[in-house]
């Protein structure tokens, strides 16, 4: 692995999948429906890779797992903000393909087939406890955080498997989740979601 220590990303992330809330996959259990159809989005508030700024860019990843997620065999498709120039696109590819270590490398070790990577328009929106992603013609997801019994957000911290390890995840539920690209067509409502800040580094 060609690692570099000179990269870091910070920002906001959220995900939606077809599992019941809260997703059993993070506890290393089989998905609610036998497979997992996952869409993850990141907004990079501040980030750099070997001196290359990645501030303000969005990234999304669609994954299909045919069974228990920790067992691997995922298919994955990566989407990079169309505003990224060639150097920024390459930097994001290096990080999110897992070639530069850190938590992305652990996640990508579970991927057996990369369906593709492309630049697209990505609209990432935050409003209070709601998160929204729109990739025109490809994906749309909206989730809303769930309140805890003591008030505030219901959260999960340090499960055995998760997209973000740096912060507790707010448990959420989708009001809409659609994805259509490659050979995948998914459409769900009232399913699992998570969101939180994130920090990735080697």
Protein backbone atom coordinates (compact mmCIF):
# COMPACT_ATOMS: atom_id res chain seq x y z
CA UNK A 1 0.00 0.00 0.00
CA UNK A 2 1.38 3.39 -1.01
CA UNK A 3 0.67 5.36 2.16
CA UNK A 4 1.17 9.03 2.79
CA UNK A 5 0.82 10.70 6.16
CA UNK A 6 -0.02 14.06 4.61
CA UNK A 7 -3.78 13.95 4.26
CA UNK A 8 -6.81 14.64 6.42
CA UNK A 9 -10.52 15.18 5.87
CA UNK A 10 -13.08 16.73 8.20
CA UNK A 11 -16.74 17.43 7.63
CA UNK A 12 -20.21 15.94 7.76
CA UNK A 13 -21.41 12.52 6.63
CA UNK A 14 -24.66 10.61 6.41
CA UNK A 15 -25.85 7.27 5.14
CA UNK A 16 -29.07 5.47 4.28
CA UNK A 17 -29.70 1.79 3.68
CA UNK A 18 -32.53 -0.70 3.30
CA UNK A 19 -32.22 -2.16 6.82
CA UNK A 20 -34.67 -1.58 9.62
CA UNK A 21 -33.67 1.08 12.13
CA UNK A 22 -31.16 0.60 13.67
CA UNK A 23 -29.13 -1.33 11.09
CA UNK A 24 -28.01 -4.77 12.38
CA UNK A 25 -24.98 -4.72 10.07
CA UNK A 26 -23.03 -2.49 12.46
CA UNK A 27 -23.37 -5.26 15.08
CA UNK A 28 -22.02 -7.85 12.59
CA UNK A 29 -25.47 -9.39 12.17
CA UNK A 30 -27.18 -10.26 8.84
CA UNK A 31 -28.96 -7.35 7.12
CA UNK A 32 -32.69 -7.00 7.80
CA UNK A 33 -33.57 -8.14 4.26
CA UNK A 34 -30.64 -10.51 3.70
CA UNK A 35 -28.60 -7.97 1.75
CA UNK A 36 -27.58 -4.36 2.29
CA UNK A 37 -28.13 -1.53 -0.18
CA UNK A 38 -26.12 1.35 1.21
CA UNK A 39 -25.65 4.97 0.12
CA UNK A 40 -23.11 7.15 1.93
CA UNK A 41 -22.39 10.84 1.39
CA UNK A 42 -19.61 13.06 2.74
CA UNK A 43 -19.30 16.84 2.70
CA UNK A 44 -15.65 17.79 3.16
CA UNK A 45 -15.60 21.03 5.13
CA UNK A 46 -11.82 21.08 5.28
CA UNK A 47 -9.40 18.63 3.74
CA UNK A 48 -6.02 18.29 2.10
CA UNK A 49 -3.95 15.68 0.31
CA UNK A 50 -0.22 16.38 -0.19
CA UNK A 51 -0.89 20.12 -0.21
CA UNK A 52 -3.94 19.83 -2.45
CA UNK A 53 -7.02 21.47 -0.90
CA UNK A 54 -10.23 19.44 -0.92
CA UNK A 55 -12.30 22.03 0.97
CA UNK A 56 -16.00 22.17 0.14
CA UNK A 57 -16.17 19.07 -2.07
CA UNK A 58 -18.77 16.30 -1.82
CA UNK A 59 -18.29 12.55 -2.23
CA UNK A 60 -20.80 9.69 -2.34
CA UNK A 61 -20.50 5.92 -2.33
CA UNK A 62 -23.14 3.33 -3.22
CA UNK A 63 -22.52 -0.20 -1.97
CA UNK A 64 -24.28 -3.52 -2.35
CA UNK A 65 -23.50 -6.33 0.07
CA UNK A 66 -25.02 -9.74 -0.78
CA UNK A 67 -25.01 -10.88 2.85
CA UNK A 68 -23.54 -10.05 6.24
CA UNK A 69 -21.44 -6.96 5.56
CA UNK A 70 -18.37 -7.92 7.60
CA UNK A 71 -17.96 -10.95 5.31
CA UNK A 72 -17.16 -8.65 2.39
CA UNK A 73 -17.97 -9.25 -1.29
CA UNK A 74 -19.36 -5.73 -1.63
CA UNK A 75 -19.91 -4.02 -4.94
CA UNK A 76 -19.22 -0.29 -4.83
CA UNK A 77 -19.58 2.80 -7.01
CA UNK A 78 -17.87 6.10 -6.15
CA UNK A 79 -19.19 9.55 -7.06
CA UNK A 80 -17.00 12.65 -6.87
CA UNK A 81 -18.12 16.28 -6.94
CA UNK A 82 -18.06 17.62 -10.50
CA UNK A 83 -16.38 20.77 -9.17
CA UNK A 84 -13.22 18.78 -8.42
CA UNK A 85 -10.36 19.42 -10.82
CA UNK A 86 -8.19 16.56 -12.05
CA UNK A 87 -5.78 16.77 -9.11
CA UNK A 88 -8.60 16.87 -6.58
CA UNK A 89 -10.36 13.96 -8.28
CA UNK A 90 -7.16 11.88 -8.09
CA UNK A 91 -6.68 12.82 -4.43
CA UNK A 92 -10.23 11.75 -3.55
CA UNK A 93 -9.78 8.53 -5.52
CA UNK A 94 -6.58 7.76 -3.62
CA UNK A 95 -8.24 8.30 -0.24
CA UNK A 96 -11.66 6.75 -0.81
CA UNK A 97 -10.29 3.73 -2.69
CA UNK A 98 -8.37 2.91 0.48
CA UNK A 99 -4.92 3.29 -1.06
CA UNK A 100 -3.85 5.88 1.52
CA UNK A 101 -4.74 4.03 4.69
CA UNK A 102 -6.99 5.16 7.50
CA UNK A 103 -10.60 4.05 7.97
CA UNK A 104 -11.40 4.21 4.20
CA UNK A 105 -8.85 1.43 3.70
CA UNK A 106 -10.71 -0.79 6.17
CA UNK A 107 -14.04 -0.14 4.43
CA UNK A 108 -12.63 -0.75 0.96
CA UNK A 109 -11.03 -4.02 2.08
CA UNK A 110 -14.61 -5.36 2.11
CA UNK A 111 -15.19 -4.40 -1.55
CA UNK A 112 -14.58 -7.13 -4.13
CA UNK A 113 -15.90 -5.28 -7.21
CA UNK A 114 -15.69 -1.59 -8.07
CA UNK A 115 -18.52 -0.77 -10.46
CA UNK A 116 -17.02 2.58 -11.40
CA UNK A 117 -16.05 6.09 -10.35
CA UNK A 118 -17.33 9.26 -11.96
CA UNK A 119 -17.66 13.00 -11.53
CA UNK A 120 -21.24 14.13 -11.00
CA UNK A 121 -23.22 17.01 -9.57
CA UNK A 122 -23.69 16.31 -5.85
CA UNK A 123 -26.01 18.42 -3.73
CA UNK A 124 -25.48 17.82 0.01
CA UNK A 125 -27.82 19.68 2.38
CA UNK A 126 -27.95 20.02 6.17
CA UNK A 127 -30.92 21.49 8.03
CA UNK A 128 -31.19 20.93 11.77
CA UNK A 129 -31.54 17.14 12.23
CA UNK A 130 -32.21 16.46 8.56
CA UNK A 131 -29.76 15.50 5.83
CA UNK A 132 -30.35 15.35 2.08
CA UNK A 133 -28.36 14.13 -0.91
CA UNK A 134 -29.27 14.64 -4.55
CA UNK A 135 -27.26 13.31 -7.49
CA UNK A 136 -29.47 14.18 -10.46
CA UNK A 137 -30.63 11.09 -12.33
CA UNK A 138 -28.78 8.75 -9.94
CA UNK A 139 -29.65 9.15 -6.27
CA UNK A 140 -31.81 10.98 -3.79
CA UNK A 141 -31.86 10.41 -0.05
CA UNK A 142 -33.41 12.28 2.85
CA UNK A 143 -33.06 11.23 6.48
CA UNK A 144 -34.12 12.72 9.81
CA UNK A 145 -32.53 12.09 13.19
CA UNK A 146 -34.42 10.25 15.91
CA UNK A 147 -34.76 11.83 19.36
CA UNK A 148 -33.62 9.88 22.41
CA UNK A 149 -35.65 9.12 25.52
CA UNK A 150 -33.66 11.71 27.50
CA UNK A 151 -34.06 14.31 24.78
CA UNK A 152 -31.43 15.23 22.22
CA UNK A 153 -30.19 12.85 19.57
CA UNK A 154 -30.29 9.07 19.82
CA UNK A 155 -26.70 7.98 19.16
CA UNK A 156 -24.52 4.90 18.76
CA UNK A 157 -20.82 5.01 19.61
CA UNK A 158 -18.05 2.53 18.80
CA UNK A 159 -20.02 -0.34 17.19
CA UNK A 160 -17.98 -3.20 15.65
CA UNK A 161 -18.56 -1.89 12.10
CA UNK A 162 -19.31 1.66 10.96
CA UNK A 163 -18.51 4.22 8.27
CA UNK A 164 -17.20 6.79 10.76
CA UNK A 165 -15.18 5.96 13.88
CA UNK A 166 -14.29 9.50 14.96
CA UNK A 167 -17.73 10.56 16.24
CA UNK A 168 -20.88 8.89 17.62
CA UNK A 169 -23.53 8.34 14.94
CA UNK A 170 -26.96 9.91 15.25
CA UNK A 171 -29.62 7.29 14.50
CA UNK A 172 -31.98 8.44 11.76
CA UNK A 173 -34.79 7.25 9.53
CA UNK A 174 -35.24 7.88 5.83
CA UNK A 175 -38.22 9.67 4.34
CA UNK A 176 -36.95 8.87 0.86
CA UNK A 177 -34.08 6.80 -0.54
CA UNK A 178 -33.70 6.15 -4.26
CA UNK A 179 -30.73 4.98 -6.30
CA UNK A 180 -30.44 3.92 -9.93
CA UNK A 181 -27.12 3.33 -11.65
CA UNK A 182 -25.16 0.46 -13.18
CA UNK A 183 -27.46 -2.57 -12.71
CA UNK A 184 -28.97 -1.34 -9.44
CA UNK A 185 -32.44 0.15 -8.89
CA UNK A 186 -33.41 0.77 -5.27
CA UNK A 187 -36.29 2.67 -3.68
CA UNK A 188 -37.12 2.70 0.03
CA UNK A 189 -38.75 4.78 2.74
CA UNK A 190 -38.80 4.55 6.53
CA UNK A 191 -35.51 2.67 6.71
CA UNK A 192 -32.26 3.14 8.57
CA UNK A 193 -29.99 6.17 8.46
CA UNK A 194 -27.01 7.57 10.37
CA UNK A 195 -25.22 10.91 10.38
CA UNK A 196 -22.42 12.67 12.25
CA UNK A 197 -19.35 14.80 11.80
CA UNK A 198 -16.35 12.83 10.54
CA UNK A 199 -12.57 12.95 10.57
CA UNK A 200 -10.47 10.68 8.38
CA UNK A 201 -6.69 10.50 8.38
CA UNK A 202 -4.01 7.82 7.91
